[in-house]
Amino acid sequence: MPHTAALLAAVAEEQGPGATLRIVLLASIVGAVLLAWFLLRGYRNDDNND
């Protein structure tokens, strides 16, 4: 198991921060869209929320 961790660390060092930044950016965009949907659905007016 320690060999696997060392191998993953070596691959991550060679790869640079590109993949991690891509994942963080994608997760942020998805989170922002879900947050906007959740907040804006409260402003919807269907004439049945008296």
Protein backbone atom coordinates (compact mmCIF):
# COMPACT_ATOMS: atom_id res chain seq x y z
CA MET A 1 0.00 0.00 0.00
CA PRO A 2 2.80 2.52 0.69
CA HIS A 3 4.05 1.90 -2.83
CA THR A 4 0.68 2.96 -4.24
CA ALA A 5 0.74 6.21 -2.26
CA ALA A 6 4.27 6.96 -3.47
CA LEU A 7 3.28 6.20 -7.05
CA LEU A 8 0.22 8.47 -6.84
CA ALA A 9 2.33 11.24 -5.31
CA ALA A 10 4.89 10.92 -8.12
CA VAL A 11 2.17 11.03 -10.78
CA ALA A 12 0.57 14.05 -9.12
CA GLU A 13 3.90 15.90 -9.03
CA GLU A 14 4.50 15.23 -12.71
CA GLN A 15 1.00 16.26 -13.68
CA GLY A 16 0.99 19.62 -11.93
CA PRO A 17 -2.05 21.40 -10.55
CA GLY A 18 -4.05 21.26 -13.80
CA ALA A 19 -6.32 18.33 -12.96
CA THR A 20 -6.98 19.52 -9.41
CA LEU A 21 -7.81 23.03 -10.55
CA ARG A 22 -10.10 21.64 -13.24
CA ILE A 23 -11.99 19.56 -10.66
CA VAL A 24 -12.26 22.48 -8.23
CA LEU A 25 -13.47 24.81 -10.99
CA LEU A 26 -16.06 22.32 -12.23
CA ALA A 27 -17.32 21.67 -8.69
CA SER A 28 -17.55 25.42 -8.05
CA ILE A 29 -19.56 26.02 -11.22
CA VAL A 30 -21.94 23.15 -10.45
CA GLY A 31 -22.30 24.40 -6.87
CA ALA A 32 -23.02 27.94 -8.03
CA VAL A 33 -25.68 26.73 -10.46
CA LEU A 34 -27.37 24.62 -7.78
CA LEU A 35 -27.24 27.48 -5.28
CA ALA A 36 -28.72 29.92 -7.80
CA TRP A 37 -31.49 27.45 -8.64
CA PHE A 38 -32.25 26.87 -4.97
CA LEU A 39 -32.36 30.58 -4.15
CA LEU A 40 -34.22 31.73 -7.26
CA ARG A 41 -36.95 29.09 -7.09
CA GLY A 42 -38.30 30.92 -4.05
CA TYR A 43 -39.00 33.97 -6.22
CA ARG A 44 -41.12 32.01 -8.69
CA ASN A 45 -44.75 33.16 -8.77
CA ASP A 46 -47.24 30.43 -9.71
CA ASP A 47 -50.29 32.25 -8.28
CA ASN A 48 -50.76 29.46 -5.76
CA ASN A 49 -48.49 30.62 -2.96
CA ASP A 50 -50.96 32.82 -1.09
